[in-house]
Protein backbone atom coordinates (compact mmCIF):
# COMPACT_ATOMS: atom_id res chain seq x y z
CA UNK A 1 -4.22 -49.56 47.96
CA UNK A 2 -5.87 -51.74 50.86
CA UNK A 3 -4.54 -51.19 54.19
CA UNK A 4 -1.99 -54.14 55.69
CA UNK A 5 -2.14 -54.17 59.51
CA UNK A 6 0.87 -52.60 60.58
CA UNK A 7 0.31 -49.81 57.75
CA UNK A 8 -3.23 -49.50 60.37
CA UNK A 9 -1.60 -49.34 63.30
CA UNK A 10 1.53 -47.16 61.48
CA UNK A 11 -0.70 -44.17 61.06
CA UNK A 12 -3.37 -44.86 64.47
CA UNK A 13 0.02 -43.71 66.25
CA UNK A 14 1.47 -41.50 64.29
CA UNK A 15 -2.14 -39.75 64.31
CA UNK A 16 -2.21 -40.09 68.05
CA UNK A 17 1.29 -38.47 68.91
CA UNK A 18 3.24 -36.65 66.15
CA UNK A 19 6.48 -36.41 67.90
CA UNK A 20 6.91 -40.89 68.10
CA UNK A 21 10.21 -41.21 66.61
CA UNK A 22 11.20 -43.78 63.40
CA UNK A 23 13.39 -45.42 66.23
CA UNK A 24 9.92 -45.62 68.37
CA UNK A 25 7.84 -46.69 65.63
CA UNK A 26 9.82 -49.41 63.95
CA UNK A 27 9.98 -50.93 67.90
CA UNK A 28 6.42 -50.80 67.81
CA UNK A 29 5.61 -51.51 64.49
CA UNK A 30 8.36 -54.84 64.66
CA UNK A 31 9.67 -53.84 61.55
CA UNK A 32 13.65 -55.26 60.89
CA UNK A 33 14.34 -52.31 59.43
CA UNK A 34 14.59 -48.30 60.68
CA UNK A 35 13.78 -46.85 57.14
CA UNK A 36 10.94 -48.78 56.73
CA UNK A 37 9.39 -47.06 58.63
CA UNK A 38 9.88 -43.13 56.03
CA UNK A 39 9.20 -45.51 53.70
CA UNK A 40 5.65 -47.06 54.13
CA UNK A 41 5.28 -43.14 55.59
CA UNK A 42 5.87 -41.76 52.21
CA UNK A 43 4.26 -44.55 50.46
CA UNK A 44 0.72 -43.28 52.65
CA UNK A 45 1.07 -39.93 51.33
CA UNK A 46 1.52 -40.94 48.06
CA UNK A 47 -1.97 -43.06 48.80
CA UNK A 48 -3.80 -39.58 50.57
CA UNK A 49 -3.44 -40.64 54.27
CA UNK A 50 -0.67 -38.72 55.46
CA UNK A 51 -0.50 -34.77 55.18
CA UNK A 52 1.56 -32.79 57.63
CA UNK A 53 3.25 -32.47 60.09
CA UNK A 54 1.33 -29.10 60.71
CA UNK A 55 1.34 -26.17 63.88
CA UNK A 56 -1.83 -24.63 65.51
CA UNK A 57 -0.57 -21.40 64.87
CA UNK A 58 -2.10 -18.72 68.01
CA UNK A 59 -2.37 -15.55 66.29
CA UNK A 60 -5.05 -14.47 69.29
CA UNK A 61 -1.20 -13.94 71.10
CA UNK A 62 0.98 -12.43 68.12
CA UNK A 63 0.82 -8.78 68.22
CA UNK A 64 -0.19 -5.84 71.01
CA UNK A 65 -4.30 -6.46 69.26
CA UNK A 66 -5.95 -9.33 69.77
CA UNK A 67 -8.23 -10.71 66.10
CA UNK A 68 -11.52 -12.49 66.02
CA UNK A 69 -11.99 -15.59 64.36
CA UNK A 70 -15.49 -15.18 61.97
CA UNK A 71 -17.32 -17.73 60.69
CA UNK A 72 -19.47 -17.09 57.74
CA UNK A 73 -22.35 -19.34 56.15
CA UNK A 74 -23.11 -17.25 53.27
CA UNK A 75 -26.38 -18.53 51.59
CA UNK A 76 -26.91 -18.02 47.59
CA UNK A 77 -28.81 -18.50 44.19
CA UNK A 78 -26.70 -21.33 42.15
CA UNK A 79 -26.31 -19.48 39.53
CA UNK A 80 -24.31 -16.70 41.05
CA UNK A 81 -21.88 -18.99 42.50
CA UNK A 82 -18.87 -17.28 40.85
CA UNK A 83 -19.89 -13.76 41.69
CA UNK A 84 -20.62 -14.63 44.87
CA UNK A 85 -17.13 -16.20 44.96
CA UNK A 86 -14.78 -13.21 43.39
CA UNK A 87 -16.90 -10.76 45.91
CA UNK A 88 -16.41 -12.75 48.75
CA UNK A 89 -12.47 -13.54 47.58
CA UNK A 90 -12.42 -9.60 47.16
CA UNK A 91 -12.67 -9.25 51.65
CA UNK A 92 -9.02 -10.63 51.46
CA UNK A 93 -8.38 -11.53 55.08
CA UNK A 94 -10.13 -15.24 54.58
CA UNK A 95 -8.08 -18.36 55.28
CA UNK A 96 -10.42 -21.07 53.68
CA UNK A 97 -13.61 -20.90 51.75
CA UNK A 98 -15.93 -24.51 51.88
CA UNK A 99 -18.81 -24.80 49.54
CA UNK A 100 -21.63 -26.85 49.87
CA UNK A 101 -22.61 -29.90 47.00
CA UNK A 102 -25.76 -28.32 46.20
CA UNK A 103 -23.58 -25.16 45.39
CA UNK A 104 -26.04 -22.67 47.36
CA UNK A 105 -23.63 -22.36 50.33
CA UNK A 106 -20.05 -20.98 51.12
CA UNK A 107 -18.78 -21.57 54.21
CA UNK A 108 -15.60 -19.01 54.53
CA UNK A 109 -13.01 -18.30 57.73
CA UNK A 110 -12.17 -15.36 58.39
CA UNK A 111 -9.57 -13.47 60.92
CA UNK A 112 -10.15 -9.69 61.76
CA UNK A 113 -8.82 -7.42 63.65
CA UNK A 114 -12.51 -5.59 63.74
CA UNK A 115 -15.55 -8.46 63.61
CA UNK A 116 -18.18 -5.44 62.70
CA UNK A 117 -15.70 -3.75 59.96
CA UNK A 118 -16.34 -7.22 58.35
CA UNK A 119 -19.77 -8.05 58.40
CA UNK A 120 -20.11 -4.57 56.99
CA UNK A 121 -18.42 -6.00 54.09
CA UNK A 122 -20.74 -8.40 54.04
CA UNK A 123 -23.88 -6.35 54.44
CA UNK A 124 -22.08 -4.55 51.27
CA UNK A 125 -22.91 -7.51 49.07
CA UNK A 126 -25.98 -8.65 50.92
CA UNK A 127 -27.70 -5.25 50.12
CA UNK A 128 -27.38 -5.22 46.59
CA UNK A 129 -28.81 -8.71 46.07
CA UNK A 130 -26.35 -11.45 45.76
CA UNK A 131 -26.41 -12.99 49.66
CA UNK A 132 -27.71 -13.65 52.73
CA UNK A 133 -25.60 -14.70 55.68
CA UNK A 134 -25.08 -15.40 59.15
CA UNK A 135 -21.76 -14.96 61.41
CA UNK A 136 -20.46 -16.27 64.48
CA UNK A 137 -17.10 -14.90 66.32
CA UNK A 138 -14.55 -16.78 68.61
CA UNK A 139 -11.21 -16.81 69.82
CA UNK A 140 -11.39 -20.33 70.89
CA UNK A 141 -9.16 -23.01 69.57
CA UNK A 142 -9.71 -25.86 67.23
CA UNK A 143 -9.26 -29.26 68.06
CA UNK A 144 -8.56 -32.39 65.50
CA UNK A 145 -9.30 -35.94 66.42
CA UNK A 146 -7.92 -38.16 63.77
CA UNK A 147 -9.44 -41.58 62.80
CA UNK A 148 -8.52 -44.75 65.07
CA UNK A 149 -8.18 -47.10 62.10
CA UNK A 150 -8.95 -50.12 64.55
CA UNK A 151 -12.39 -48.15 65.60
CA UNK A 152 -15.76 -48.45 64.09
CA UNK A 153 -16.25 -46.97 61.37
CA UNK A 154 -20.03 -46.12 62.02
CA UNK A 155 -20.16 -43.77 65.07
CA UNK A 156 -22.33 -44.67 68.14
CA UNK A 157 -25.75 -42.87 68.38
CA UNK A 158 -25.64 -43.06 72.54
CA UNK A 159 -23.62 -41.66 75.81
CA UNK A 160 -22.77 -37.95 73.50
CA UNK A 161 -23.65 -36.12 76.32
CA UNK A 162 -21.18 -37.61 79.02
CA UNK A 163 -19.09 -34.85 80.86
CA UNK A 164 -16.07 -33.34 79.11
CA UNK A 165 -12.55 -31.50 79.99
CA UNK A 166 -11.82 -28.75 77.67
CA UNK A 167 -10.26 -25.94 77.86
CA UNK A 168 -11.44 -23.86 74.32
CA UNK A 169 -9.66 -20.85 75.15
CA UNK A 170 -5.55 -20.64 74.18
CA UNK A 171 -3.82 -20.02 76.75
CA UNK A 172 -3.26 -16.16 78.20
CA UNK A 173 -0.58 -14.36 76.93
CA UNK A 174 2.23 -13.48 78.93
CA UNK A 175 4.74 -11.74 77.24
CA UNK A 176 5.77 -9.16 74.89
CA UNK A 177 7.74 -10.85 72.17
CA UNK A 178 9.06 -8.68 69.58
CA UNK A 179 8.42 -10.61 66.15
CA UNK A 180 9.86 -10.19 62.83
CA UNK A 181 8.84 -10.82 59.31
CA UNK A 182 10.81 -14.25 59.41
CA UNK A 183 8.87 -15.39 62.18
CA UNK A 184 5.71 -14.32 60.61
CA UNK A 185 6.55 -16.38 57.41
CA UNK A 186 7.84 -19.28 59.25
CA UNK A 187 4.04 -19.54 60.89
CA UNK A 188 3.39 -19.97 57.78
CA UNK A 189 4.80 -22.45 56.85
CA UNK A 190 4.23 -24.27 60.22
CA UNK A 191 0.59 -23.42 59.94
CA UNK A 192 -0.25 -24.87 56.30
CA UNK A 193 2.54 -26.47 54.49
CA UNK A 194 5.26 -27.95 56.55
CA UNK A 195 7.56 -28.19 59.63
CA UNK A 196 10.64 -28.94 57.51
CA UNK A 197 13.75 -26.23 57.64
CA UNK A 198 15.07 -27.87 54.62
CA UNK A 199 11.13 -27.23 52.13
CA UNK A 200 11.14 -24.15 54.25
CA UNK A 201 14.44 -23.14 52.31
CA UNK A 202 13.65 -24.39 49.40
CA UNK A 203 10.44 -22.69 48.69
CA UNK A 204 10.97 -19.40 50.02
CA UNK A 205 14.24 -19.89 46.71
CA UNK A 206 12.22 -20.90 44.65
CA UNK A 207 9.36 -18.74 45.10
CA UNK A 208 10.82 -15.25 46.45
CA UNK A 209 14.57 -15.89 45.41
CA UNK A 210 15.44 -15.54 49.31
CA UNK A 211 18.01 -17.25 51.06
CA UNK A 212 16.95 -18.01 54.71
CA UNK A 213 20.32 -20.68 56.05
CA UNK A 214 19.21 -22.98 58.64
CA UNK A 215 20.07 -21.57 61.41
CA UNK A 216 17.78 -18.65 60.70
CA UNK A 217 14.87 -21.01 60.56
CA UNK A 218 15.52 -23.14 62.96
CA UNK A 219 15.75 -20.27 65.46
CA UNK A 220 12.68 -18.71 64.65
CA UNK A 221 10.46 -22.05 64.94
CA UNK A 222 12.75 -22.48 68.41
CA UNK A 223 11.03 -18.74 69.56
CA UNK A 224 7.93 -19.66 68.43
CA UNK A 225 7.48 -23.10 70.25
CA UNK A 226 9.12 -21.64 72.81
CA UNK A 227 7.00 -18.81 73.22
CA UNK A 228 3.25 -20.51 73.62
CA UNK A 229 2.24 -19.51 69.64
CA UNK A 230 2.28 -23.15 67.94
CA UNK A 231 0.95 -25.87 69.72
CA UNK A 232 -0.13 -29.19 69.09
CA UNK A 233 1.77 -30.52 65.83
CA UNK A 234 -0.05 -33.06 64.37
CA UNK A 235 -0.50 -34.82 61.11
CA UNK A 236 -3.58 -34.66 59.77
CA UNK A 237 -4.74 -38.41 58.67
CA UNK A 238 -7.57 -39.61 56.14
CA UNK A 239 -9.73 -42.30 57.64
CA UNK A 240 -9.95 -43.06 53.66
CA UNK A 241 -7.72 -41.79 50.42
CA UNK A 242 -8.44 -37.99 50.89
CA UNK A 243 -10.11 -37.31 47.19
CA UNK A 244 -12.12 -40.58 48.07
CA UNK A 245 -13.76 -39.35 51.75
CA UNK A 246 -17.15 -37.99 52.43
CA UNK A 247 -16.59 -34.81 53.81
CA UNK A 248 -19.28 -32.71 56.02
CA UNK A 249 -19.56 -30.23 58.56
CA UNK A 250 -22.18 -29.92 61.46
CA UNK A 251 -23.69 -27.25 63.00
CA UNK A 252 -24.57 -27.85 66.78
CA UNK A 253 -26.85 -25.11 68.64
CA UNK A 254 -28.56 -25.52 71.85
CA UNK A 255 -26.98 -24.54 75.96
CA UNK A 256 -23.31 -24.23 75.57
CA UNK A 257 -22.86 -27.28 77.74
CA UNK A 258 -24.40 -29.92 75.80
CA UNK A 259 -22.69 -28.84 72.91
CA UNK A 260 -19.82 -28.86 73.71
CA UNK A 261 -20.26 -32.45 75.20
CA UNK A 262 -21.58 -33.31 71.85
CA UNK A 263 -18.79 -32.31 70.00
CA UNK A 264 -16.37 -33.26 72.31
CA UNK A 265 -17.73 -37.00 72.20
CA UNK A 266 -19.21 -38.04 68.81
CA UNK A 267 -17.64 -40.24 67.11
CA UNK A 268 -14.66 -40.60 69.94
CA UNK A 269 -12.04 -43.79 68.83
CA UNK A 270 -14.18 -44.33 65.63
CA UNK A 271 -12.19 -44.59 61.85
CA UNK A 272 -13.84 -41.11 61.09
CA UNK A 273 -11.11 -37.90 61.14
CA UNK A 274 -13.06 -34.96 63.39
CA UNK A 275 -12.00 -31.34 63.98
CA UNK A 276 -14.44 -29.28 65.98
CA UNK A 277 -14.49 -25.96 67.67
CA UNK A 278 -17.14 -23.40 69.93
CA UNK A 279 -18.69 -19.66 69.04
CA UNK A 280 -20.50 -19.04 72.03
CA UNK A 281 -23.02 -21.89 72.05
CA UNK A 282 -22.61 -22.63 68.35
CA UNK A 283 -20.31 -26.42 67.70
CA UNK A 284 -18.58 -26.92 64.14
CA UNK A 285 -17.47 -29.98 63.31
CA UNK A 286 -15.51 -30.73 60.35
CA UNK A 287 -15.71 -34.62 58.95
CA UNK A 288 -14.22 -36.45 56.95
CA UNK A 289 -15.34 -40.18 57.06
CA UNK A 290 -16.43 -43.38 54.65
CA UNK A 291 -18.31 -42.23 51.21
CA UNK A 292 -20.76 -45.48 52.01
CA UNK A 293 -21.04 -44.34 55.80
CA UNK A 294 -21.82 -40.09 55.56
CA UNK A 295 -24.87 -40.14 53.42
CA UNK A 296 -27.13 -42.32 56.27
CA UNK A 297 -24.60 -40.71 58.86
CA UNK A 298 -26.12 -37.37 58.03
CA UNK A 299 -29.63 -38.39 57.33
CA UNK A 300 -29.24 -39.67 61.32
CA UNK A 301 -27.89 -36.63 62.98
CA UNK A 302 -30.23 -34.14 61.97
CA UNK A 303 -33.20 -33.94 64.58
CA UNK A 304 -32.04 -36.90 66.81
CA UNK A 305 -31.00 -35.68 70.14
CA UNK A 306 -33.41 -32.90 71.39
CA UNK A 307 -31.13 -31.25 73.77
CA UNK A 308 -29.62 -29.83 70.99
CA UNK A 309 -29.89 -28.46 67.19
CA UNK A 310 -28.26 -29.92 64.43
CA UNK A 311 -27.65 -29.61 60.71
CA UNK A 312 -25.38 -31.62 58.54
CA UNK A 313 -24.18 -30.51 55.66
CA UNK A 314 -22.37 -31.74 52.48
CA UNK A 315 -19.55 -30.16 51.57
CA UNK A 316 -17.37 -30.73 47.95
CA UNK A 317 -14.54 -32.73 47.56
CA UNK A 318 -12.23 -32.21 50.57
CA UNK A 319 -9.27 -31.54 47.80
CA UNK A 320 -11.75 -28.49 46.33
CA UNK A 321 -11.74 -25.68 49.58
CA UNK A 322 -9.71 -22.92 48.94
CA UNK A 323 -7.51 -22.88 51.98
CA UNK A 324 -4.32 -20.41 52.22
CA UNK A 325 -2.28 -19.02 55.44
CA UNK A 326 -3.29 -15.78 57.18
CA UNK A 327 -1.20 -12.56 55.01
CA UNK A 328 1.88 -10.90 56.76
CA UNK A 329 0.89 -8.01 55.59
CA UNK A 330 -1.35 -7.62 57.72
CA UNK A 331 1.04 -7.12 60.97
CA UNK A 332 2.66 -3.99 61.16
CA UNK A 333 5.71 -4.54 62.29
CA UNK A 334 6.56 -1.40 63.76
CA UNK A 335 4.08 -1.16 65.91
CA UNK A 336 3.52 -5.35 66.11
CA UNK A 337 -0.19 -4.42 65.84
CA UNK A 338 -2.49 -6.45 63.27
CA UNK A 339 -4.64 -4.30 60.87
CA UNK A 340 -6.49 -5.34 57.65
CA UNK A 341 -7.53 -2.81 55.00
CA UNK A 342 -11.49 -2.86 54.73
CA UNK A 343 -11.67 0.57 52.96
CA UNK A 344 -10.03 -0.95 50.14
CA UNK A 345 -11.92 -4.07 50.50
CA UNK A 346 -15.09 -2.15 50.02
CA UNK A 347 -13.56 -0.40 47.01
CA UNK A 348 -13.02 -3.86 45.53
CA UNK A 349 -16.57 -5.11 46.63
CA UNK A 350 -17.66 -2.00 44.11
CA UNK A 351 -15.76 -2.69 41.42
CA UNK A 352 -16.66 -6.13 40.84
CA UNK A 353 -20.22 -5.42 41.76
CA UNK A 354 -19.56 -2.53 39.07
CA UNK A 355 -18.11 -4.85 36.87
CA UNK A 356 -20.79 -7.69 37.20
CA UNK A 357 -24.18 -5.37 36.29
CA UNK A 358 -22.07 -3.66 32.94
């Protein structure tokens, strides 16, 4: 599907502001009928340009104890891929896994209330000879930049260390809201599936046989938003049909200020999707770009800037990463605390290793 000028404008507009109404979009795009907007949106969704809208859920503000975002770069012999995947998924507080195209590295994002317990589990797998790993812990936000369809396909490589004003931390928790089962289930939908009340109703009925009234779901969504748990409602806009994009992960190390400036300024205003965050002095930038540009861009970025150290890793198709939301079973509604069964995870890892030996 080749995009018209109005479709490019539509994608750029909703990528910048997901709150624009159909009538506002109709006015800006000069469509004759307002229903043209919804038809175009459906067509672009089918063409793999639009997903969402979603919310960024601040789980650090849910419950009485804090949880950590943990990134793990896991290296292994490609012949052991299936075994490594089975072992790592035993640590069932992962939310997404991204394999590299070479098949020897897996990036995994975990959430855990005890960073040290999680790394001990990875150490068990390492001692058995399956993996080497490096972990990064953070409680910072993710920032997202949708593509500008009228911007450059190739990002400029100069002026990337301009001053930026970004608050990495989530807002501090201001109340002691009591969270219910329905609240956490709705958070899961808002995070990775849908914000549509009717869709939530249908999926709950189909998957779990639960019937929730619209008023119940609406109340829960309003509660989540009003307490500041859900922020930055957004669409994920792909610069090209999603299955055709070139996806890579950029790791940036150096002085914290330099790294933050670089990852915030990189590809600004370009036809590139970018999501980024910081873990201490390491930046992570997740990009979708042109399949023609991708390899050249990765080669250009490595070693170009003496102030920072960059590594570019091509990942498999962006349809390939395994992704799920957090598990509500890890939240104790009586105590309002996060708990994770690390002993159970360890037993499952040992069981898999015994099976693999046999």
